[in-house]
Amino acid sequence: IRDSNLRIKPNKCHFCSQKIKFLGHIVNEQGIQPDPLKITKVVNYLVSRNLTELRVFLSLASYYKRFIKDFSKILSPFYKLTEKKTLYQWSNER
């Protein structure tokens, strides 16, 4: 590690742990799962009132797309709203 000019912070190291939180995920012997606290934040994200907020939400949700079956299909109506000539207008219609 020293030869590569890297340093280790002992308080950030986890040895012999059953599971760890890493980059918004939980890693354990079963594999990698999204952190439930992070998923709750995505689910409870406030309604986007403008295009910038919509893009923030899509970016946040996209981080977990590997865990969501048919992610692109589910969010395609939202991605269409980000196209240049599309009028962004939120309503209660589905």
PDB file of N, CA and C in Angstrom:
ATOM      1  N   ILE A   1       0.839  -1.188   0.000  1.00  0.00           N
ATOM      2  CA  ILE A   1       0.000   0.000   0.000  1.00  0.00           C
ATOM      3  C   ILE A   1       0.880   1.246   0.000  1.00  0.00           C
ATOM      4  N   ARG A   2       1.919   1.224   0.803  1.00  0.00           N
ATOM      5  CA  ARG A   2       2.829   2.379   0.842  1.00  0.00           C
ATOM      6  C   ARG A   2       3.513   2.593  -0.503  1.00  0.00           C
ATOM      7  N   ASP A   3       3.851   1.496  -1.175  1.00  0.00           N
ATOM      8  CA  ASP A   3       4.520   1.603  -2.473  1.00  0.00           C
ATOM      9  C   ASP A   3       3.651   2.335  -3.492  1.00  0.00           C
ATOM     10  N   SER A   4       2.354   2.280  -3.311  1.00  0.00           N
ATOM     11  CA  SER A   4       1.413   2.950  -4.226  1.00  0.00           C
ATOM     12  C   SER A   4       0.987   4.313  -3.710  1.00  0.00           C
ATOM     13  N   ASN A   5       1.612   4.762  -2.628  1.00  0.00           N
ATOM     14  CA  ASN A   5       1.271   6.041  -1.992  1.00  0.00           C
ATOM     15  C   ASN A   5      -0.187   6.108  -1.552  1.00  0.00           C
ATOM     16  N   LEU A   6      -0.701   4.999  -1.068  1.00  0.00           N
ATOM     17  CA  LEU A   6      -2.066   4.949  -0.540  1.00  0.00           C
ATOM     18  C   LEU A   6      -2.010   4.908   0.976  1.00  0.00           C
ATOM     19  N   ARG A   7      -3.080   5.371   1.591  1.00  0.00           N
ATOM     20  CA  ARG A   7      -3.172   5.345   3.052  1.00  0.00           C
ATOM     21  C   ARG A   7      -4.490   4.720   3.454  1.00  0.00           C
ATOM     22  N   ILE A   8      -4.492   4.126   4.614  1.00  0.00           N
ATOM     23  CA  ILE A   8      -5.703   3.499   5.151  1.00  0.00           C
ATOM     24  C   ILE A   8      -6.109   4.229   6.417  1.00  0.00           C
ATOM     25  N   LYS A   9      -7.391   4.555   6.510  1.00  0.00           N
ATOM     26  CA  LYS A   9      -7.924   5.124   7.744  1.00  0.00           C
ATOM     27  C   LYS A   9      -8.576   3.988   8.526  1.00  0.00           C
ATOM     28  N   PRO A  10      -8.028   3.634   9.670  1.00  0.00           N
ATOM     29  CA  PRO A  10      -8.567   2.508  10.432  1.00  0.00           C
ATOM     30  C   PRO A  10     -10.058   2.641  10.759  1.00  0.00           C
ATOM     31  N   ASN A  11     -10.529   3.873  10.998  1.00  0.00           N
ATOM     32  CA  ASN A  11     -11.942   4.030  11.341  1.00  0.00           C
ATOM     33  C   ASN A  11     -12.865   3.797  10.141  1.00  0.00           C
ATOM     34  N   LYS A  12     -12.305   3.718   8.935  1.00  0.00           N
ATOM     35  CA  LYS A  12     -13.111   3.446   7.741  1.00  0.00           C
ATOM     36  C   LYS A  12     -12.965   2.002   7.263  1.00  0.00           C
ATOM     37  N   CYS A  13     -12.171   1.213   7.955  1.00  0.00           N
ATOM     38  CA  CYS A  13     -11.945  -0.177   7.569  1.00  0.00           C
ATOM     39  C   CYS A  13     -12.896  -1.100   8.321  1.00  0.00           C
ATOM     40  N   HIS A  14     -13.336  -2.141   7.630  1.00  0.00           N
ATOM     41  CA  HIS A  14     -14.209  -3.147   8.235  1.00  0.00           C
ATOM     42  C   HIS A  14     -13.572  -4.514   8.004  1.00  0.00           C
ATOM     43  N   PHE A  15     -13.248  -5.187   9.087  1.00  0.00           N
ATOM     44  CA  PHE A  15     -12.661  -6.511   8.992  1.00  0.00           C
ATOM     45  C   PHE A  15     -13.572  -7.506   9.686  1.00  0.00           C
ATOM     46  N   CYS A  16     -13.720  -8.674   9.097  1.00  0.00           N
ATOM     47  CA  CYS A  16     -14.520  -9.764   9.664  1.00  0.00           C
ATOM     48  C   CYS A  16     -15.964  -9.333   9.923  1.00  0.00           C
ATOM     49  N   SER A  17     -16.531  -8.529   9.055  1.00  0.00           N
ATOM     50  CA  SER A  17     -17.912  -8.069   9.203  1.00  0.00           C
ATOM     51  C   SER A  17     -18.841  -8.968   8.397  1.00  0.00           C
ATOM     52  N   GLN A  18     -20.052  -9.179   8.913  1.00  0.00           N
ATOM     53  CA  GLN A  18     -21.059  -9.954   8.195  1.00  0.00           C
ATOM     54  C   GLN A  18     -21.655  -9.146   7.046  1.00  0.00           C
ATOM     55  N   LYS A  19     -21.765  -7.821   7.259  1.00  0.00           N
ATOM     56  CA  LYS A  19     -22.272  -6.954   6.198  1.00  0.00           C
ATOM     57  C   LYS A  19     -21.709  -5.556   6.389  1.00  0.00           C
ATOM     58  N   ILE A  20     -21.618  -4.826   5.278  1.00  0.00           N
ATOM     59  CA  ILE A  20     -21.164  -3.437   5.327  1.00  0.00           C
ATOM     60  C   ILE A  20     -22.054  -2.593   4.418  1.00  0.00           C
ATOM     61  N   LYS A  21     -22.129  -1.302   4.741  1.00  0.00           N
ATOM     62  CA  LYS A  21     -22.789  -0.344   3.862  1.00  0.00           C
ATOM     63  C   LYS A  21     -21.699   0.296   3.021  1.00  0.00           C
ATOM     64  N   PHE A  22     -21.946   0.324   1.707  1.00  0.00           N
ATOM     65  CA  PHE A  22     -20.939   0.861   0.798  1.00  0.00           C
ATOM     66  C   PHE A  22     -21.628   1.503  -0.398  1.00  0.00           C
ATOM     67  N   LEU A  23     -21.421   2.805  -0.573  1.00  0.00           N
ATOM     68  CA  LEU A  23     -21.950   3.546  -1.715  1.00  0.00           C
ATOM     69  C   LEU A  23     -23.451   3.330  -1.919  1.00  0.00           C
ATOM     70  N   GLY A  24     -24.215   3.383  -0.833  1.00  0.00           N
ATOM     71  CA  GLY A  24     -25.667   3.262  -0.938  1.00  0.00           C
ATOM     72  C   GLY A  24     -26.164   1.837  -1.083  1.00  0.00           C
ATOM     73  N   HIS A  25     -25.284   0.878  -0.838  1.00  0.00           N
ATOM     74  CA  HIS A  25     -25.644  -0.528  -0.944  1.00  0.00           C
ATOM     75  C   HIS A  25     -25.255  -1.259   0.338  1.00  0.00           C
ATOM     76  N   ILE A  26     -25.857  -2.411   0.534  1.00  0.00           N
ATOM     77  CA  ILE A  26     -25.453  -3.294   1.621  1.00  0.00           C
ATOM     78  C   ILE A  26     -24.825  -4.521   0.977  1.00  0.00           C
ATOM     79  N   VAL A  27     -23.607  -4.805   1.391  1.00  0.00           N
ATOM     80  CA  VAL A  27     -22.870  -5.939   0.851  1.00  0.00           C
ATOM     81  C   VAL A  27     -22.758  -6.979   1.955  1.00  0.00           C
ATOM     82  N   ASN A  28     -23.207  -8.204   1.657  1.00  0.00           N
ATOM     83  CA  ASN A  28     -23.105  -9.304   2.615  1.00  0.00           C
ATOM     84  C   ASN A  28     -22.857 -10.603   1.859  1.00  0.00           C
ATOM     85  N   GLU A  29     -22.948 -11.729   2.560  1.00  0.00           N
ATOM     86  CA  GLU A  29     -22.639 -13.009   1.930  1.00  0.00           C
ATOM     87  C   GLU A  29     -23.623 -13.374   0.821  1.00  0.00           C
ATOM     88  N   GLN A  30     -24.811 -12.771   0.811  1.00  0.00           N
ATOM     89  CA  GLN A  30     -25.789 -13.046  -0.251  1.00  0.00           C
ATOM     90  C   GLN A  30     -25.556 -12.186  -1.492  1.00  0.00           C
ATOM     91  N   GLY A  31     -24.731 -11.164  -1.382  1.00  0.00           N
ATOM     92  CA  GLY A  31     -24.457 -10.306  -2.526  1.00  0.00           C
ATOM     93  C   GLY A  31     -24.638  -8.838  -2.184  1.00  0.00           C
ATOM     94  N   ILE A  32     -25.106  -8.087  -3.170  1.00  0.00           N
ATOM     95  CA  ILE A  32     -25.285  -6.640  -3.023  1.00  0.00           C
ATOM     96  C   ILE A  32     -26.765  -6.320  -3.130  1.00  0.00           C
ATOM     97  N   GLN A  33     -27.266  -5.559  -2.157  1.00  0.00           N
ATOM     98  CA  GLN A  33     -28.649  -5.087  -2.166  1.00  0.00           C
ATOM     99  C   GLN A  33     -28.640  -3.583  -1.932  1.00  0.00           C
ATOM    100  N   PRO A  34     -29.674  -2.900  -2.416  1.00  0.00           N
ATOM    101  CA  PRO A  34     -29.749  -1.466  -2.126  1.00  0.00           C
ATOM    102  C   PRO A  34     -30.006  -1.242  -0.641  1.00  0.00           C
ATOM    103  N   ASP A  35     -29.459  -0.188  -0.098  1.00  0.00           N
ATOM    104  CA  ASP A  35     -29.674   0.181   1.302  1.00  0.00           C
ATOM    105  C   ASP A  35     -31.127   0.626   1.467  1.00  0.00           C
ATOM    106  N   PRO A  36     -31.906  -0.038   2.331  1.00  0.00           N
ATOM    107  CA  PRO A  36     -33.318   0.320   2.509  1.00  0.00           C
ATOM    108  C   PRO A  36     -33.535   1.793   2.863  1.00  0.00           C
ATOM    109  N   LEU A  37     -32.619   2.404   3.602  1.00  0.00           N
ATOM    110  CA  LEU A  37     -32.767   3.827   3.928  1.00  0.00           C
ATOM    111  C   LEU A  37     -32.691   4.695   2.673  1.00  0.00           C
ATOM    112  N   LYS A  38     -31.824   4.329   1.749  1.00  0.00           N
ATOM    113  CA  LYS A  38     -31.699   5.084   0.501  1.00  0.00           C
ATOM    114  C   LYS A  38     -32.924   4.881  -0.381  1.00  0.00           C
ATOM    115  N   ILE A  39     -33.442   3.660  -0.409  1.00  0.00           N
ATOM    116  CA  ILE A  39     -34.638   3.374  -1.206  1.00  0.00           C
ATOM    117  C   ILE A  39     -35.824   4.159  -0.670  1.00  0.00           C
ATOM    118  N   THR A  40     -35.932   4.271   0.646  1.00  0.00           N
ATOM    119  CA  THR A  40     -37.009   5.054   1.256  1.00  0.00           C
ATOM    120  C   THR A  40     -36.939   6.499   0.791  1.00  0.00           C
ATOM    121  N   LYS A  41     -35.745   7.035   0.685  1.00  0.00           N
ATOM    122  CA  LYS A  41     -35.586   8.420   0.212  1.00  0.00           C
ATOM    123  C   LYS A  41     -36.042   8.569  -1.237  1.00  0.00           C
ATOM    124  N   VAL A  42     -35.756   7.581  -2.059  1.00  0.00           N
ATOM    125  CA  VAL A  42     -36.191   7.635  -3.458  1.00  0.00           C
ATOM    126  C   VAL A  42     -37.715   7.546  -3.533  1.00  0.00           C
ATOM    127  N   VAL A  43     -38.286   6.606  -2.787  1.00  0.00           N
ATOM    128  CA  VAL A  43     -39.742   6.408  -2.800  1.00  0.00           C
ATOM    129  C   VAL A  43     -40.468   7.640  -2.280  1.00  0.00           C
ATOM    130  N   ASN A  44     -39.919   8.280  -1.269  1.00  0.00           N
ATOM    131  CA  ASN A  44     -40.572   9.442  -0.656  1.00  0.00           C
ATOM    132  C   ASN A  44     -40.136  10.773  -1.263  1.00  0.00           C
ATOM    133  N   TYR A  45     -39.435  10.731  -2.382  1.00  0.00           N
ATOM    134  CA  TYR A  45     -38.966  11.956  -3.036  1.00  0.00           C
ATOM    135  C   TYR A  45     -40.174  12.809  -3.411  1.00  0.00           C
ATOM    136  N   LEU A  46     -40.092  14.086  -3.118  1.00  0.00           N
ATOM    137  CA  LEU A  46     -41.203  14.997  -3.411  1.00  0.00           C
ATOM    138  C   LEU A  46     -41.443  15.099  -4.912  1.00  0.00           C
ATOM    139  N   VAL A  47     -42.660  15.413  -5.271  1.00  0.00           N
ATOM    140  CA  VAL A  47     -43.022  15.570  -6.674  1.00  0.00           C
ATOM    141  C   VAL A  47     -42.156  16.655  -7.307  1.00  0.00           C
ATOM    142  N   SER A  48     -41.621  16.347  -8.458  1.00  0.00           N
ATOM    143  CA  SER A  48     -40.782  17.311  -9.176  1.00  0.00           C
ATOM    144  C   SER A  48     -41.656  18.415  -9.748  1.00  0.00           C
ATOM    145  N   ARG A  49     -41.339  19.648  -9.398  1.00  0.00           N
ATOM    146  CA  ARG A  49     -42.130  20.787  -9.861  1.00  0.00           C
ATOM    147  C   ARG A  49     -41.591  21.394 -11.147  1.00  0.00           C
ATOM    148  N   ASN A  50     -40.380  21.013 -11.510  1.00  0.00           N
ATOM    149  CA  ASN A  50     -39.799  21.559 -12.737  1.00  0.00           C
ATOM    150  C   ASN A  50     -38.830  20.540 -13.335  1.00  0.00           C
ATOM    151  N   LEU A  51     -38.316  20.869 -14.484  1.00  0.00           N
ATOM    152  CA  LEU A  51     -37.458  19.952 -15.225  1.00  0.00           C
ATOM    153  C   LEU A  51     -36.177  19.604 -14.469  1.00  0.00           C
ATOM    154  N   THR A  52     -35.596  20.567 -13.800  1.00  0.00           N
ATOM    155  CA  THR A  52     -34.373  20.309 -13.036  1.00  0.00           C
ATOM    156  C   THR A  52     -34.627  19.298 -11.928  1.00  0.00           C
ATOM    157  N   GLU A  53     -35.714  19.472 -11.185  1.00  0.00           N
ATOM    158  CA  GLU A  53     -36.041  18.531 -10.111  1.00  0.00           C
ATOM    159  C   GLU A  53     -36.349  17.145 -10.667  1.00  0.00           C
ATOM    160  N   LEU A  54     -36.979  17.086 -11.832  1.00  0.00           N
ATOM    161  CA  LEU A  54     -37.258  15.797 -12.463  1.00  0.00           C
ATOM    162  C   LEU A  54     -35.952  15.098 -12.824  1.00  0.00           C
ATOM    163  N   ARG A  55     -35.017  15.838 -13.368  1.00  0.00           N
ATOM    164  CA  ARG A  55     -33.718  15.248 -13.723  1.00  0.00           C
ATOM    165  C   ARG A  55     -32.975  14.745 -12.487  1.00  0.00           C
ATOM    166  N   VAL A  56     -33.076  15.480 -11.391  1.00  0.00           N
ATOM    167  CA  VAL A  56     -32.449  15.040 -10.135  1.00  0.00           C
ATOM    168  C   VAL A  56     -33.070  13.720  -9.691  1.00  0.00           C
ATOM    169  N   PHE A  57     -34.397  13.639  -9.743  1.00  0.00           N
ATOM    170  CA  PHE A  57     -35.075  12.401  -9.348  1.00  0.00           C
ATOM    171  C   PHE A  57     -34.661  11.234 -10.245  1.00  0.00           C
ATOM    172  N   LEU A  58     -34.643  11.452 -11.547  1.00  0.00           N
ATOM    173  CA  LEU A  58     -34.276  10.378 -12.473  1.00  0.00           C
ATOM    174  C   LEU A  58     -32.845   9.912 -12.235  1.00  0.00           C
ATOM    175  N   SER A  59     -31.970  10.833 -11.926  1.00  0.00           N
ATOM    176  CA  SER A  59     -30.587  10.477 -11.619  1.00  0.00           C
ATOM    177  C   SER A  59     -30.509   9.652 -10.340  1.00  0.00           C
ATOM    178  N   LEU A  60     -31.249  10.081  -9.338  1.00  0.00           N
ATOM    179  CA  LEU A  60     -31.284   9.364  -8.061  1.00  0.00           C
ATOM    180  C   LEU A  60     -31.846   7.959  -8.250  1.00  0.00           C
ATOM    181  N   ALA A  61     -32.957   7.851  -8.958  1.00  0.00           N
ATOM    182  CA  ALA A  61     -33.588   6.550  -9.189  1.00  0.00           C
ATOM    183  C   ALA A  61     -32.706   5.654 -10.056  1.00  0.00           C
ATOM    184  N   SER A  62     -32.025   6.231 -11.026  1.00  0.00           N
ATOM    185  CA  SER A  62     -31.188   5.449 -11.945  1.00  0.00           C
ATOM    186  C   SER A  62     -30.040   4.743 -11.233  1.00  0.00           C
ATOM    187  N   TYR A  63     -29.627   5.291 -10.116  1.00  0.00           N
ATOM    188  CA  TYR A  63     -28.534   4.672  -9.362  1.00  0.00           C
ATOM    189  C   TYR A  63     -28.892   3.242  -8.950  1.00  0.00           C
ATOM    190  N   TYR A  64     -30.188   2.971  -8.787  1.00  0.00           N
ATOM    191  CA  TYR A  64     -30.644   1.657  -8.335  1.00  0.00           C
ATOM    192  C   TYR A  64     -31.328   0.855  -9.435  1.00  0.00           C
ATOM    193  N   LYS A  65     -31.167   1.243 -10.698  1.00  0.00           N
ATOM    194  CA  LYS A  65     -31.891   0.586 -11.786  1.00  0.00           C
ATOM    195  C   LYS A  65     -31.557  -0.892 -11.924  1.00  0.00           C
ATOM    196  N   ARG A  66     -30.397  -1.302 -11.534  1.00  0.00           N
ATOM    197  CA  ARG A  66     -30.050  -2.722 -11.655  1.00  0.00           C
ATOM    198  C   ARG A  66     -30.889  -3.609 -10.738  1.00  0.00           C
ATOM    199  N   PHE A  67     -31.549  -3.006  -9.753  1.00  0.00           N
ATOM    200  CA  PHE A  67     -32.388  -3.762  -8.826  1.00  0.00           C
ATOM    201  C   PHE A  67     -33.874  -3.687  -9.180  1.00  0.00           C
ATOM    202  N   ILE A  68     -34.218  -2.916 -10.214  1.00  0.00           N
ATOM    203  CA  ILE A  68     -35.623  -2.688 -10.561  1.00  0.00           C
ATOM    204  C   ILE A  68     -35.899  -3.287 -11.935  1.00  0.00           C
ATOM    205  N   LYS A  69     -36.722  -4.326 -11.949  1.00  0.00           N
ATOM    206  CA  LYS A  69     -37.082  -4.969 -13.211  1.00  0.00           C
ATOM    207  C   LYS A  69     -37.861  -3.975 -14.076  1.00  0.00           C
ATOM    208  N   ASP A  70     -37.546  -3.927 -15.355  1.00  0.00           N
ATOM    209  CA  ASP A  70     -38.202  -3.039 -16.325  1.00  0.00           C
ATOM    210  C   ASP A  70     -38.093  -1.566 -15.942  1.00  0.00           C
ATOM    211  N   PHE A  71     -36.975  -1.195 -15.377  1.00  0.00           N
ATOM    212  CA  PHE A  71     -36.758   0.187 -14.940  1.00  0.00           C
ATOM    213  C   PHE A  71     -37.037   1.187 -16.060  1.00  0.00           C
ATOM    214  N   SER A  72     -36.440   0.964 -17.218  1.00  0.00           N
ATOM    215  CA  SER A  72     -36.605   1.904 -18.335  1.00  0.00           C
ATOM    216  C   SER A  72     -38.058   2.006 -18.770  1.00  0.00           C
ATOM    217  N   LYS A  73     -38.735   0.888 -18.786  1.00  0.00           N
ATOM    218  CA  LYS A  73     -40.148   0.870 -19.189  1.00  0.00           C
ATOM    219  C   LYS A  73     -41.007   1.632 -18.183  1.00  0.00           C
ATOM    220  N   ILE A  74     -40.738   1.442 -16.910  1.00  0.00           N
ATOM    221  CA  ILE A  74     -41.511   2.103 -15.851  1.00  0.00           C
ATOM    222  C   ILE A  74     -41.326   3.615 -15.907  1.00  0.00           C
ATOM    223  N   LEU A  75     -40.097   4.058 -16.096  1.00  0.00           N
ATOM    224  CA  LEU A  75     -39.815   5.492 -16.051  1.00  0.00           C
ATOM    225  C   LEU A  75     -39.787   6.177 -17.417  1.00  0.00           C
ATOM    226  N   SER A  76     -40.120   5.452 -18.479  1.00  0.00           N
ATOM    227  CA  SER A  76     -40.069   6.075 -19.808  1.00  0.00           C
ATOM    228  C   SER A  76     -40.957   7.312 -19.931  1.00  0.00           C
ATOM    229  N   PRO A  77     -42.157   7.373 -19.312  1.00  0.00           N
ATOM    230  CA  PRO A  77     -42.936   8.617 -19.406  1.00  0.00           C
ATOM    231  C   PRO A  77     -42.204   9.816 -18.797  1.00  0.00           C
ATOM    232  N   PHE A  78     -41.434   9.567 -17.750  1.00  0.00           N
ATOM    233  CA  PHE A  78     -40.684  10.650 -17.113  1.00  0.00           C
ATOM    234  C   PHE A  78     -39.508  11.086 -17.983  1.00  0.00           C
ATOM    235  N   TYR A  79     -38.835  10.113 -18.614  1.00  0.00           N
ATOM    236  CA  TYR A  79     -37.729  10.457 -19.505  1.00  0.00           C
ATOM    237  C   TYR A  79     -38.223  11.248 -20.711  1.00  0.00           C
ATOM    238  N   LYS A  80     -39.425  10.942 -21.190  1.00  0.00           N
ATOM    239  CA  LYS A  80     -39.992  11.696 -22.319  1.00  0.00           C
ATOM    240  C   LYS A  80     -40.189  13.162 -21.946  1.00  0.00           C
ATOM    241  N   LEU A  81     -40.475  13.421 -20.677  1.00  0.00           N
ATOM    242  CA  LEU A  81     -40.652  14.807 -20.231  1.00  0.00           C
ATOM    243  C   LEU A  81     -39.359  15.616 -20.294  1.00  0.00           C
ATOM    244  N   THR A  82     -38.233  14.937 -20.352  1.00  0.00           N
ATOM    245  CA  THR A  82     -36.951  15.648 -20.388  1.00  0.00           C
ATOM    246  C   THR A  82     -36.518  16.006 -21.808  1.00  0.00           C
ATOM    247  N   GLU A  83     -37.274  15.569 -22.807  1.00  0.00           N
ATOM    248  CA  GLU A  83     -36.937  15.897 -24.193  1.00  0.00           C
ATOM    249  C   GLU A  83     -37.153  17.382 -24.448  1.00  0.00           C
ATOM    250  N   LYS A  84     -36.353  17.933 -25.335  1.00  0.00           N
ATOM    251  CA  LYS A  84     -36.329  19.384 -25.557  1.00  0.00           C
ATOM    252  C   LYS A  84     -37.680  20.010 -25.864  1.00  0.00           C
ATOM    253  N   LYS A  85     -38.439  19.458 -26.765  1.00  0.00           N
ATOM    254  CA  LYS A  85     -39.668  20.109 -27.218  1.00  0.00           C
ATOM    255  C   LYS A  85     -40.904  19.648 -26.455  1.00  0.00           C
ATOM    256  N   THR A  86     -40.706  19.040 -25.297  1.00  0.00           N
ATOM    257  CA  THR A  86     -41.831  18.560 -24.506  1.00  0.00           C
ATOM    258  C   THR A  86     -42.179  19.586 -23.438  1.00  0.00           C
ATOM    259  N   LEU A  87     -43.446  19.904 -23.345  1.00  0.00           N
ATOM    260  CA  LEU A  87     -43.919  20.828 -22.314  1.00  0.00           C
ATOM    261  C   LEU A  87     -44.013  20.065 -20.999  1.00  0.00           C
ATOM    262  N   TYR A  88     -43.339  20.569 -19.983  1.00  0.00           N
ATOM    263  CA  TYR A  88     -43.375  19.922 -18.667  1.00  0.00           C
ATOM    264  C   TYR A  88     -44.527  20.518 -17.876  1.00  0.00           C
ATOM    265  N   GLN A  89     -45.546  19.688 -17.659  1.00  0.00           N
ATOM    266  CA  GLN A  89     -46.700  20.148 -16.891  1.00  0.00           C
ATOM    267  C   GLN A  89     -47.192  18.974 -16.065  1.00  0.00           C
ATOM    268  N   TRP A  90     -47.100  19.096 -14.756  1.00  0.00           N
ATOM    269  CA  TRP A  90     -47.487  18.014 -13.864  1.00  0.00           C
ATOM    270  C   TRP A  90     -48.986  18.047 -13.626  1.00  0.00           C
ATOM    271  N   SER A  91     -49.607  16.854 -13.644  1.00  0.00           N
ATOM    272  CA  SER A  91     -51.036  16.746 -13.333  1.00  0.00           C
ATOM    273  C   SER A  91     -51.267  15.443 -12.587  1.00  0.00           C
ATOM    274  N   ASN A  92     -52.493  15.203 -12.155  1.00  0.00           N
ATOM    275  CA  ASN A  92     -52.828  13.976 -11.427  1.00  0.00           C
ATOM    276  C   ASN A  92     -53.223  12.841 -12.357  1.00  0.00           C
ATOM    277  N   GLU A  93     -53.208  13.064 -13.670  1.00  0.00           N
ATOM    278  CA  GLU A  93     -53.547  12.022 -14.630  1.00  0.00           C
ATOM    279  C   GLU A  93     -52.479  10.950 -14.635  1.00  0.00           C
ATOM    280  N   ARG A  94     -52.903   9.734 -14.976  1.00  0.00           N
ATOM    281  CA  ARG A  94     -51.956   8.619 -15.062  1.00  0.00           C
ATOM    282  C   ARG A  94     -51.855   8.138 -16.478  1.00  0.00           C
TER     283      ARG A  94
END
